[in-house]
């Protein structure tokens, strides 16, 4: 019996020791040591993202625990154009979905600088305004739609962090009722859930008998919320909870950097590893882009242009309150022109960067931070973040950092988060005639 136990222990130790390759390459050793020093736990494992089905390890709102049934419903609804029953004009009805502005193939960002939901036609960079709509009717925002990869780590959502009754918004309660949408924060929910409740109104989405019975979603709501009273089970809150549960599973855990962290030291090229060392060293990117998600719930002003300056933008202007960033929400001067630090995974998939889509390449982004010269003349230098200063990177270092940002942080398999079909049978993610033809799904 003792021999059997000893043999089992020996085999277990062998399996464990082989689960992570041995560090031998100087670059790997240097990067591992760097990450361990920066980690609050003393280990590079701190930066490892959880698996998408490891619900216990994914950040979530206690009021909305993640369950498989919620995720399944949310995955469908996120891509379901039958939810878009509140479109302003008949030609827009049932033609767009949440995924219209958060496309998996584009890193869950739009395929153009400014996303267009209701009132848009076509896909990607070729999406345009429906002729039946006027500019003030199209559903657009004054900030580029943020990526939803690793959004589970966002506590207060949107570029200004205005949604969510906790975390960064503690102490801002006096302004919540000043806006049409942020009164939702009084519910005390996290940013994602709060924004999704309000987002259904903003994006003209409706849960009705057509969606529930004609399209067949009632049974999925019943499975996802069996303990909720029937009169509440099909409203905006459970819909938001299902969408939020799904969104929290959108994790870039197949990116080469993540594979490297888990022991596959061949997953990144030497160029990407050098870029990672710069990211966590000389370039100082890690000071704002933190943890496994490489984001933070902080706000900084780096002097970039607004969506108003982007050619092809709709329904925004130089006087748009949203141009003031977090300061437009809090009303505090110290928050003026500050915008949320975004996640950096899969940034390569949509060539529009910053809230105003003012840069179109990652090289341009790195050069902007390297030179540290604000591009928006409307922003006084006194508001610019102290982290925005010249980095003194040479051309080779820029190339290395871009390699890490573009490919080292790119999860190549985001299609796993897209359903093969939705219950309506409509095209994914858009169902207007132009999109149907472009995607060949009509």
Protein backbone atom coordinates (compact mmCIF):
# COMPACT_ATOMS: atom_id res chain seq x y z
CA UNK A 1 0.00 0.00 0.00
CA UNK A 2 2.83 2.41 0.92
CA UNK A 3 4.57 1.69 -2.40
CA UNK A 4 1.36 2.54 -4.25
CA UNK A 5 1.00 5.83 -2.34
CA UNK A 6 4.62 6.77 -2.98
CA UNK A 7 4.27 5.92 -6.68
CA UNK A 8 1.14 8.09 -6.92
CA UNK A 9 2.91 11.00 -5.26
CA UNK A 10 5.89 10.62 -7.57
CA UNK A 11 3.65 10.58 -10.65
CA UNK A 12 1.78 13.62 -9.39
CA UNK A 13 4.99 15.55 -8.90
CA UNK A 14 6.11 14.59 -12.40
CA UNK A 15 2.89 15.85 -13.97
CA UNK A 16 3.07 19.08 -11.98
CA UNK A 17 6.68 19.72 -12.91
CA UNK A 18 5.88 19.23 -16.61
CA UNK A 19 2.87 21.51 -16.55
CA UNK A 20 5.14 24.54 -16.91
CA UNK A 21 8.25 24.56 -19.07
CA UNK A 22 11.53 25.30 -17.36
CA UNK A 23 12.84 28.85 -17.76
CA UNK A 24 16.13 28.72 -19.65
CA UNK A 25 16.05 31.59 -22.13
CA UNK A 26 17.53 34.83 -20.71
CA UNK A 27 14.61 36.86 -22.10
CA UNK A 28 12.09 34.58 -20.39
CA UNK A 29 13.99 34.71 -17.12
CA UNK A 30 14.26 38.50 -17.26
CA UNK A 31 10.57 38.98 -18.04
CA UNK A 32 9.46 36.50 -15.39
CA UNK A 33 11.61 38.22 -12.76
CA UNK A 34 10.28 41.63 -13.83
CA UNK A 35 6.65 40.50 -13.54
CA UNK A 36 7.25 38.83 -10.20
CA UNK A 37 8.75 42.03 -8.80
CA UNK A 38 5.79 44.09 -9.99
CA UNK A 39 3.18 41.59 -8.82
CA UNK A 40 1.55 42.24 -5.43
CA UNK A 41 1.68 38.49 -4.86
CA UNK A 42 5.32 38.11 -5.80
CA UNK A 43 4.46 35.80 -8.70
CA UNK A 44 3.85 36.34 -12.41
CA UNK A 45 0.76 34.15 -12.01
CA UNK A 46 -0.96 37.29 -10.76
CA UNK A 47 -1.28 38.41 -14.39
CA UNK A 48 -2.95 35.18 -15.58
CA UNK A 49 -6.57 35.60 -16.68
CA UNK A 50 -9.12 32.93 -15.75
CA UNK A 51 -10.75 30.53 -18.17
CA UNK A 52 -14.05 31.77 -19.55
CA UNK A 53 -16.03 29.02 -17.84
CA UNK A 54 -14.26 29.36 -14.49
CA UNK A 55 -17.08 31.49 -13.13
CA UNK A 56 -15.79 31.46 -9.56
CA UNK A 57 -12.60 33.25 -10.67
CA UNK A 58 -14.27 35.90 -12.85
CA UNK A 59 -15.09 39.25 -11.18
CA UNK A 60 -18.86 39.67 -10.92
CA UNK A 61 -21.55 41.62 -9.12
CA UNK A 62 -22.83 39.71 -6.04
CA UNK A 63 -26.34 40.71 -7.11
CA UNK A 64 -25.81 38.92 -10.42
CA UNK A 65 -23.83 35.70 -10.00
CA UNK A 66 -22.73 34.16 -13.29
CA UNK A 67 -24.54 30.95 -14.27
CA UNK A 68 -24.41 28.88 -17.47
CA UNK A 69 -28.08 29.63 -18.21
CA UNK A 70 -27.52 33.40 -17.92
CA UNK A 71 -24.45 33.23 -20.12
CA UNK A 72 -26.32 31.20 -22.74
CA UNK A 73 -29.18 33.70 -22.82
CA UNK A 74 -26.85 36.70 -22.83
CA UNK A 75 -24.78 35.27 -25.67
CA UNK A 76 -27.91 34.98 -27.80
CA UNK A 77 -29.38 38.35 -26.87
CA UNK A 78 -26.11 40.18 -27.48
CA UNK A 79 -26.20 39.08 -31.13
CA UNK A 80 -29.99 39.09 -31.56
CA UNK A 81 -31.37 41.78 -33.88
CA UNK A 82 -34.92 40.81 -32.86
CA UNK A 83 -34.21 42.75 -29.66
CA UNK A 84 -34.10 45.98 -31.70
CA UNK A 85 -37.86 46.48 -31.80
CA UNK A 86 -37.75 50.11 -30.69
CA UNK A 87 -35.95 51.51 -33.73
CA UNK A 88 -37.09 55.02 -34.65
CA UNK A 89 -38.04 54.08 -38.21
CA UNK A 90 -39.51 50.93 -39.69
CA UNK A 91 -36.45 50.43 -41.92
CA UNK A 92 -34.27 50.22 -38.80
CA UNK A 93 -36.44 47.76 -36.92
CA UNK A 94 -34.75 44.44 -36.12
CA UNK A 95 -31.64 45.38 -38.10
CA UNK A 96 -29.00 45.85 -35.37
CA UNK A 97 -27.81 44.21 -32.18
CA UNK A 98 -25.38 44.91 -29.33
CA UNK A 99 -22.79 43.19 -31.50
CA UNK A 100 -23.26 45.79 -34.22
CA UNK A 101 -20.93 48.12 -32.31
CA UNK A 102 -19.02 45.39 -30.49
CA UNK A 103 -18.01 42.97 -33.23
CA UNK A 104 -16.03 39.88 -32.20
CA UNK A 105 -13.91 40.06 -35.36
CA UNK A 106 -12.99 43.64 -34.42
CA UNK A 107 -11.97 42.79 -30.85
CA UNK A 108 -15.54 43.51 -29.70
CA UNK A 109 -15.19 47.07 -30.99
CA UNK A 110 -16.82 48.72 -34.03
CA UNK A 111 -15.38 48.30 -37.51
CA UNK A 112 -15.39 52.09 -37.96
CA UNK A 113 -14.22 54.99 -35.83
CA UNK A 114 -17.70 55.73 -34.51
CA UNK A 115 -20.16 52.88 -34.14
CA UNK A 116 -23.68 53.24 -35.54
CA UNK A 117 -26.50 51.16 -34.04
CA UNK A 118 -30.06 52.24 -34.92
CA UNK A 119 -29.96 54.23 -38.15
CA UNK A 120 -26.97 52.44 -39.63
CA UNK A 121 -26.60 50.12 -42.59
CA UNK A 122 -23.74 47.95 -43.76
CA UNK A 123 -20.83 46.33 -41.94
CA UNK A 124 -17.43 47.38 -40.69
CA UNK A 125 -15.82 50.51 -42.07
CA UNK A 126 -18.48 50.58 -44.78
CA UNK A 127 -21.35 51.11 -42.34
CA UNK A 128 -23.23 54.31 -43.15
CA UNK A 129 -26.30 56.30 -42.13
CA UNK A 130 -29.68 55.02 -43.29
CA UNK A 131 -31.33 57.58 -45.61
CA UNK A 132 -34.56 57.36 -43.59
CA UNK A 133 -32.75 58.90 -40.59
CA UNK A 134 -31.53 62.39 -39.90
CA UNK A 135 -28.20 62.93 -38.17
CA UNK A 136 -29.82 63.75 -34.84
CA UNK A 137 -31.78 60.47 -34.98
CA UNK A 138 -28.95 57.98 -35.48
CA UNK A 139 -27.83 56.08 -32.39
CA UNK A 140 -24.16 57.05 -32.01
CA UNK A 141 -21.90 58.03 -29.13
CA UNK A 142 -19.30 60.77 -28.75
CA UNK A 143 -16.66 58.20 -27.83
CA UNK A 144 -15.35 55.14 -29.65
CA UNK A 145 -17.11 52.04 -28.38
CA UNK A 146 -14.77 50.42 -25.86
CA UNK A 147 -13.64 46.84 -26.28
CA UNK A 148 -15.55 44.31 -24.22
CA UNK A 149 -12.60 41.93 -23.86
CA UNK A 150 -11.85 41.55 -20.14
CA UNK A 151 -14.72 43.91 -19.28
CA UNK A 152 -15.32 41.81 -16.15
CA UNK A 153 -12.50 43.81 -14.58
CA UNK A 154 -14.28 47.14 -15.19
CA UNK A 155 -16.08 48.41 -12.10
CA UNK A 156 -17.41 51.69 -13.52
CA UNK A 157 -18.18 51.61 -17.22
CA UNK A 158 -17.94 54.00 -20.19
CA UNK A 159 -15.03 56.32 -20.91
CA UNK A 160 -16.19 58.58 -18.06
CA UNK A 161 -16.94 55.78 -15.58
CA UNK A 162 -20.38 57.25 -14.96
CA UNK A 163 -22.18 53.93 -14.49
CA UNK A 164 -22.09 51.92 -11.28
CA UNK A 165 -23.07 52.81 -7.75
CA UNK A 166 -19.82 51.60 -6.19
CA UNK A 167 -16.04 51.88 -6.44
CA UNK A 168 -14.96 55.03 -8.35
CA UNK A 169 -18.43 56.55 -8.05
CA UNK A 170 -18.57 56.53 -4.27
CA UNK A 171 -18.74 60.20 -3.39
CA UNK A 172 -20.39 61.27 -6.65
CA UNK A 173 -23.94 60.54 -5.49
CA UNK A 174 -24.91 64.22 -5.61
CA UNK A 175 -24.66 64.29 -9.43
CA UNK A 176 -26.38 61.01 -10.30
CA UNK A 177 -29.80 62.59 -10.68
CA UNK A 178 -28.44 65.41 -12.83
CA UNK A 179 -28.44 63.10 -15.84
CA UNK A 180 -31.16 61.11 -17.51
CA UNK A 181 -29.30 57.81 -17.29
CA UNK A 182 -27.15 57.76 -14.12
CA UNK A 183 -30.01 57.66 -11.63
CA UNK A 184 -29.70 53.92 -12.14
CA UNK A 185 -26.61 54.06 -9.91
CA UNK A 186 -28.88 54.31 -6.88
CA UNK A 187 -29.55 50.58 -7.30
CA UNK A 188 -26.00 49.99 -6.11
CA UNK A 189 -25.10 47.68 -8.99
CA UNK A 190 -21.76 47.44 -10.75
CA UNK A 191 -21.07 49.50 -13.85
CA UNK A 192 -21.74 46.77 -16.40
CA UNK A 193 -25.17 45.85 -15.04
CA UNK A 194 -26.12 49.51 -14.59
CA UNK A 195 -25.08 50.49 -18.09
CA UNK A 196 -26.88 47.54 -19.66
CA UNK A 197 -30.15 48.41 -17.96
CA UNK A 198 -29.97 51.96 -19.28
CA UNK A 199 -28.48 50.84 -22.58
CA UNK A 200 -31.64 49.07 -23.61
CA UNK A 201 -33.48 52.39 -23.60
CA UNK A 202 -30.62 54.28 -25.21
CA UNK A 203 -30.26 51.75 -28.02
CA UNK A 204 -34.02 51.33 -28.48
CA UNK A 205 -34.19 47.66 -27.58
CA UNK A 206 -37.39 46.00 -26.41
CA UNK A 207 -38.23 42.73 -24.66
CA UNK A 208 -41.77 41.98 -25.82
CA UNK A 209 -43.98 39.08 -26.80
CA UNK A 210 -42.44 39.07 -30.26
CA UNK A 211 -39.01 38.34 -28.79
CA UNK A 212 -40.23 36.05 -26.02
CA UNK A 213 -42.83 33.97 -27.85
CA UNK A 214 -42.54 34.47 -31.60
CA UNK A 215 -38.75 34.19 -31.44
CA UNK A 216 -38.78 31.64 -28.59
CA UNK A 217 -36.72 33.30 -25.85
CA UNK A 218 -39.19 32.89 -22.99
CA UNK A 219 -37.89 29.42 -22.10
CA UNK A 220 -34.31 30.73 -21.92
CA UNK A 221 -35.40 33.52 -19.54
CA UNK A 222 -37.20 30.91 -17.42
CA UNK A 223 -34.04 28.79 -17.25
CA UNK A 224 -31.82 31.77 -16.45
CA UNK A 225 -34.03 33.32 -13.75
CA UNK A 226 -36.09 30.52 -12.17
CA UNK A 227 -36.22 32.25 -8.78
CA UNK A 228 -37.39 35.60 -10.13
CA UNK A 229 -41.07 36.47 -9.98
CA UNK A 230 -42.69 35.90 -13.36
CA UNK A 231 -43.89 39.50 -13.64
CA UNK A 232 -40.23 40.65 -13.32
CA UNK A 233 -38.51 37.85 -15.19
CA UNK A 234 -38.70 39.32 -18.69
CA UNK A 235 -37.88 42.99 -18.09
CA UNK A 236 -34.87 45.24 -18.50
CA UNK A 237 -33.09 44.10 -15.35
CA UNK A 238 -32.98 40.34 -16.07
CA UNK A 239 -32.06 41.13 -19.68
CA UNK A 240 -29.18 43.28 -18.45
CA UNK A 241 -28.13 40.59 -15.96
CA UNK A 242 -27.99 37.94 -18.71
CA UNK A 243 -26.01 40.21 -21.01
CA UNK A 244 -23.63 41.12 -18.19
CA UNK A 245 -23.05 37.47 -17.26
CA UNK A 246 -22.10 36.74 -20.87
CA UNK A 247 -19.90 39.81 -21.22
CA UNK A 248 -17.94 38.87 -18.12
CA UNK A 249 -16.89 35.64 -19.86
CA UNK A 250 -15.28 37.53 -22.77
CA UNK A 251 -11.70 37.00 -21.65
CA UNK A 252 -8.60 37.19 -23.82
CA UNK A 253 -7.01 34.15 -22.21
CA UNK A 254 -5.66 32.68 -25.49
CA UNK A 255 -3.41 35.64 -26.26
CA UNK A 256 0.30 34.67 -26.61
CA UNK A 257 1.16 36.65 -23.48
CA UNK A 258 -1.37 34.63 -21.50
CA UNK A 259 -0.02 31.37 -22.90
CA UNK A 260 3.48 32.51 -21.98
CA UNK A 261 2.36 33.30 -18.44
CA UNK A 262 0.98 29.77 -18.18
CA UNK A 263 4.30 28.21 -19.17
CA UNK A 264 4.39 28.05 -22.98
CA UNK A 265 7.49 30.15 -23.40
CA UNK A 266 7.48 29.70 -27.18
CA UNK A 267 4.08 31.42 -27.46
CA UNK A 268 5.68 34.86 -27.80
CA UNK A 269 8.46 35.86 -30.20
CA UNK A 270 11.64 37.47 -28.92
CA UNK A 271 10.41 40.76 -30.35
CA UNK A 272 7.19 40.49 -28.34
CA UNK A 273 9.10 39.57 -25.18
CA UNK A 274 11.35 42.60 -25.63
CA UNK A 275 8.19 44.66 -26.05
CA UNK A 276 6.76 43.22 -22.85
CA UNK A 277 9.94 44.17 -20.98
CA UNK A 278 9.54 47.72 -22.28
CA UNK A 279 5.85 47.72 -21.33
CA UNK A 280 6.74 46.75 -17.77
CA UNK A 281 9.91 48.82 -17.72
CA UNK A 282 11.18 51.82 -19.63
CA UNK A 283 7.88 52.70 -21.33
CA UNK A 284 6.01 52.52 -18.02
CA UNK A 285 2.73 51.38 -19.61
CA UNK A 286 2.02 49.17 -16.60
CA UNK A 287 1.52 52.21 -14.37
CA UNK A 288 -1.93 52.71 -15.91
CA UNK A 289 -2.60 49.36 -17.61
CA UNK A 290 -2.63 47.04 -14.63
CA UNK A 291 -3.30 43.43 -13.66
CA UNK A 292 -4.18 40.61 -16.00
CA UNK A 293 -6.70 42.70 -17.96
CA UNK A 294 -4.13 45.47 -18.55
CA UNK A 295 -6.69 48.12 -17.72
CA UNK A 296 -7.59 50.06 -14.61
CA UNK A 297 -10.48 51.94 -13.13
CA UNK A 298 -8.49 55.15 -13.29
CA UNK A 299 -8.96 58.23 -15.45
CA UNK A 300 -6.24 60.25 -17.16
CA UNK A 301 -6.05 63.20 -19.53
CA UNK A 302 -3.59 62.66 -22.37
CA UNK A 303 -4.76 65.49 -24.62
CA UNK A 304 -6.21 63.54 -27.53
CA UNK A 305 -8.81 64.82 -29.99
CA UNK A 306 -12.53 64.20 -29.53
CA UNK A 307 -15.00 62.33 -31.72
CA UNK A 308 -16.10 65.73 -32.99
CA UNK A 309 -12.74 65.93 -34.80
CA UNK A 310 -13.14 62.53 -36.44
CA UNK A 311 -14.15 62.77 -40.09
CA UNK A 312 -17.33 60.80 -40.62
CA UNK A 313 -18.71 61.24 -37.10
CA UNK A 314 -22.36 62.02 -36.45
CA UNK A 315 -24.38 63.86 -33.84
CA UNK A 316 -21.57 65.42 -31.81
CA UNK A 317 -19.94 68.83 -31.72
CA UNK A 318 -17.20 70.89 -30.13
CA UNK A 319 -19.63 71.76 -27.34
CA UNK A 320 -20.57 68.15 -26.53
CA UNK A 321 -20.49 67.66 -22.75
CA UNK A 322 -18.91 64.26 -23.31
CA UNK A 323 -15.75 65.95 -24.61
CA UNK A 324 -15.01 66.95 -21.00
CA UNK A 325 -14.52 63.32 -20.02
CA UNK A 326 -15.09 62.37 -16.40
CA UNK A 327 -15.29 66.04 -15.51
CA UNK A 328 -18.44 66.31 -17.61
CA UNK A 329 -19.99 63.76 -15.26
CA UNK A 330 -18.63 64.75 -11.85
CA UNK A 331 -18.55 68.50 -12.50
CA UNK A 332 -15.14 68.69 -10.83
CA UNK A 333 -12.33 70.63 -12.45
CA UNK A 334 -9.75 68.04 -11.43
CA UNK A 335 -11.63 65.48 -13.56
CA UNK A 336 -11.77 67.55 -16.74
CA UNK A 337 -10.65 65.80 -19.94
CA UNK A 338 -9.88 62.58 -18.09
CA UNK A 339 -10.96 59.33 -19.72
CA UNK A 340 -10.93 55.77 -18.50
CA UNK A 341 -7.86 53.58 -18.99
CA UNK A 342 -8.97 50.88 -21.49
CA UNK A 343 -7.93 47.26 -21.72
CA UNK A 344 -5.24 46.56 -24.32
CA UNK A 345 -6.15 43.07 -25.49
CA UNK A 346 -6.98 42.66 -29.20
CA UNK A 347 -6.39 46.31 -29.95
CA UNK A 348 -4.98 45.21 -33.30
CA UNK A 349 -8.43 44.08 -34.45
CA UNK A 350 -9.96 47.55 -34.88
CA UNK A 351 -7.66 50.34 -36.11
CA UNK A 352 -9.18 53.18 -34.11
CA UNK A 353 -7.63 54.34 -30.86
CA UNK A 354 -8.49 56.73 -28.03
CA UNK A 355 -12.01 57.95 -27.30
CA UNK A 356 -12.03 60.11 -30.41
CA UNK A 357 -10.53 57.49 -32.77
CA UNK A 358 -7.76 59.98 -33.56
CA UNK A 359 -5.08 57.34 -34.15
CA UNK A 360 -5.39 54.49 -36.63
CA UNK A 361 -2.29 52.40 -35.92
CA UNK A 362 -0.68 51.08 -32.78
CA UNK A 363 2.58 52.54 -34.03
CA UNK A 364 0.86 55.92 -34.02
CA UNK A 365 -0.38 55.33 -30.48
CA UNK A 366 3.08 54.43 -29.19
CA UNK A 367 4.64 57.40 -31.02
CA UNK A 368 2.04 59.68 -29.45
CA UNK A 369 2.97 58.54 -25.93
CA UNK A 370 6.65 58.55 -26.81
CA UNK A 371 6.57 62.18 -27.96
CA UNK A 372 4.03 63.22 -25.31
CA UNK A 373 2.79 66.27 -27.20
CA UNK A 374 -0.97 66.80 -26.68
CA UNK A 375 -2.85 66.95 -29.99
CA UNK A 376 -6.02 68.70 -28.80
CA UNK A 377 -5.47 72.49 -28.64
CA UNK A 378 -8.66 72.90 -26.59
CA UNK A 379 -7.09 71.20 -23.54
CA UNK A 380 -4.92 73.32 -21.27
CA UNK A 381 -1.61 71.74 -20.25
CA UNK A 382 -2.55 71.96 -16.56
CA UNK A 383 -5.07 69.13 -17.04
CA UNK A 384 -2.63 66.66 -18.63
CA UNK A 385 -1.71 63.56 -16.61
CA UNK A 386 1.76 63.50 -15.01
CA UNK A 387 2.20 60.06 -16.57
CA UNK A 388 2.09 61.67 -20.02
CA UNK A 389 5.72 62.56 -20.62
CA UNK A 390 8.37 61.65 -23.25
CA UNK A 391 9.40 57.99 -23.05
CA UNK A 392 12.66 58.32 -25.02
CA UNK A 393 12.09 55.11 -26.96
CA UNK A 394 14.15 54.63 -30.11
CA UNK A 395 12.74 53.20 -33.34
CA UNK A 396 13.66 49.61 -32.51
CA UNK A 397 12.09 49.90 -29.06
CA UNK A 398 8.91 51.28 -30.59
CA UNK A 399 8.88 48.32 -32.97
CA UNK A 400 9.28 45.91 -30.06
CA UNK A 401 6.55 47.53 -27.97
CA UNK A 402 4.18 47.54 -30.93
CA UNK A 403 4.89 43.84 -31.52
CA UNK A 404 3.81 43.08 -27.95
CA UNK A 405 0.71 45.27 -28.12
CA UNK A 406 -0.43 44.09 -31.55
CA UNK A 407 0.30 40.36 -31.47
CA UNK A 408 1.43 39.44 -27.98
CA UNK A 409 -1.89 40.65 -26.58
CA UNK A 410 -4.11 39.38 -29.39
CA UNK A 411 -6.41 36.45 -28.62
CA UNK A 412 -6.84 34.85 -32.07
CA UNK A 413 -10.03 32.93 -31.30
CA UNK A 414 -12.73 35.41 -30.31
CA UNK A 415 -15.17 33.60 -32.61
CA UNK A 416 -15.70 31.13 -29.76
CA UNK A 417 -17.80 33.83 -28.09
CA UNK A 418 -20.21 34.12 -31.04
CA UNK A 419 -23.25 31.83 -31.35
CA UNK A 420 -23.65 29.84 -34.56
CA UNK A 421 -27.17 31.23 -34.85
CA UNK A 422 -29.76 33.24 -32.96
CA UNK A 423 -33.33 32.09 -32.41
CA UNK A 424 -34.76 34.62 -34.88
CA UNK A 425 -32.61 33.18 -37.65
CA UNK A 426 -31.55 36.74 -38.52
CA UNK A 427 -28.09 37.64 -39.74
CA UNK A 428 -25.39 38.24 -37.11
CA UNK A 429 -24.60 40.94 -36.09
CA UNK A 430 -26.64 43.15 -38.47
CA UNK A 431 -29.80 42.33 -40.37
CA UNK A 432 -30.32 45.29 -42.70
CA UNK A 433 -30.42 44.54 -46.47
CA UNK A 434 -26.97 46.01 -47.13
CA UNK A 435 -25.39 43.93 -44.35
CA UNK A 436 -27.25 40.83 -45.50
CA UNK A 437 -25.81 41.16 -48.97
CA UNK A 438 -22.31 42.00 -47.72
CA UNK A 439 -22.26 38.99 -45.38
CA UNK A 440 -24.03 36.66 -47.82
CA UNK A 441 -26.58 35.59 -45.24
CA UNK A 442 -29.83 36.70 -46.79
